[in-house]
Amino acid sequence: MIALSLALFASAGDARGSAVQAVAQDAARSLGASVAQSVVVSAPLESDQPAPKGDALALRIAALVAGRLGARAHAHPQTALLPAALAIAGRASVLVYLRSEVAKGDLRTTVDVYATTANVWDRLRNPAAAPIAHAFSTAKVDAEVRTFLTPLLLEQSSVHRARHDEGDVLAAACGDVDGDGGNELVLVSRRRVSLGRVVGEKFVTERTMPWGKVATTLPVPMRQPLAGVVVSGEAVYVGSTDRGGVELAPDLAPRSPLVGVPAAGGDEVVCLRPEPSAGAFDGAPIGCLPRGEPGPKMALPAPRFDAFAAANVVDAAGATHAIVAVREPSGRLRLKMGDATRVPDGGFGAELAVGDLDQDGVPEIVTTANGPDDAIRVSSWSGAADWSDRLRLAAPAGVHALAICPAEDHGRPVLVAIVGDEVWLLRAGGP
């Protein structure tokens, strides 16, 4: 059974740019023009993992916030605790004080604005003045943030295995569906949609929705079904060539129909159009809503395909690169990143995922073997001529779905592979 598995890589698909740019932009926008004449001071970085260049990251965020506040704001060149920061602000109209931390895969910045006074006696009488304004911003850790932390090592990856009871899984995705800060895993079979978490050595189902309650069987399904699922915000977009597509609420109740099978399109959810006679998808992805923009959303390296993956990957300098990969029904893999394209040698299996598993700014292309002995293949491609094979994991039970989860524990993205009746969670080695 051929399956198409897709997942929205939220940190890479953030339309605001890199994580550092996003938190600075959100913080400055929240404060507005009232703090244009200010001194921006950052506290030392807090982190739940080793951060040998932590203060440099904190100062980078402070510099970006000051730059967005305008020419009359400037960033102090050293980190400082709040009492020292108030003294540093001196005669400036206000102090903009930043506290940044890296925690559970997020870069978080809290901003407090303090009215300052040059009178030392006033500062002594009220050393802990309350802030007059407050802001908070957060974004997923990416390759730019990783340059300030301890590197991850893909070749030292670990694999955690857990059993599931979902039968023949067609697609998988993960993300924070309920807004509690942790990732949920969504598995799609021909029978139902299931949402849950891996607990110990078991996939524990929290909510399920039978297909019969959300969509009817299509009049012309494919002989071998293809499916897709995307977690985006507090919604689950799911579809198959048997049933069509539908948007689900966090409790998996149906919301609205989609015009095709959903897929992650980098910074948005797109839909793929099946061609049953070819047993594949045909043409560029389009918008998913029936009344939405009908035009193509991106250029593809091949017009017909049975596996698709796309992501926006942030490099170590903070620039964002859109990458798309498709597998032709013949087994040939085609890649596109900007103006660069590549067709790797050999044949590839029908499962495909794209993301930056070790957060070095170079995307990983995760595929499966094209033959009787299935395997998970992880390769890296920078968009240039180089193609590097990084990992190969034998999967005798067969790989039925692949997905890349947003960073969570210790900032490490997770590759999810559905192998037979097991869920494999692969994480790059690191602290």
Foldseek 3Di string as FASTA:
>chain_A
DFAAAFEAQFQQLAPQFHFLSQFLVQVLVQVPQPCLQFEEAEAFEAEPAAFQQRFVSRQSSSQSNNVSNDDNYHYDPGHDPDLVQLVVGAPTQKYWYWYWYHAFQKIKIKIFIGGHYNDPVVCVVCVPDHGPDIDMDMGGHFLQNCVRGWFFFQLQKDKAKAFEDPAQWRYKYWDDQPPPQDIWIWTDDQFWIFIADDDHRYTDTDAIDGLVQAFDFDPQAAPDKYWYWYRDHNWIWIAMSGTAIFIAGNNRHTDGGWPAHWHHQANDIWHFDDDRVVQWTFAATAHTHPPDDGDHDDDDPDGTAHYKEWHWHAANVRGTWIKIWGAHPVQWIWIDIPPFIDTDDDGFGSEWYWDCQRNNRWIWIWTWHDDQWIWIWIWTDRSDPDIGTRDIGTQNQDWNYWYWYGRGHSSGIWIWTCRHRMTMTMHTDDD
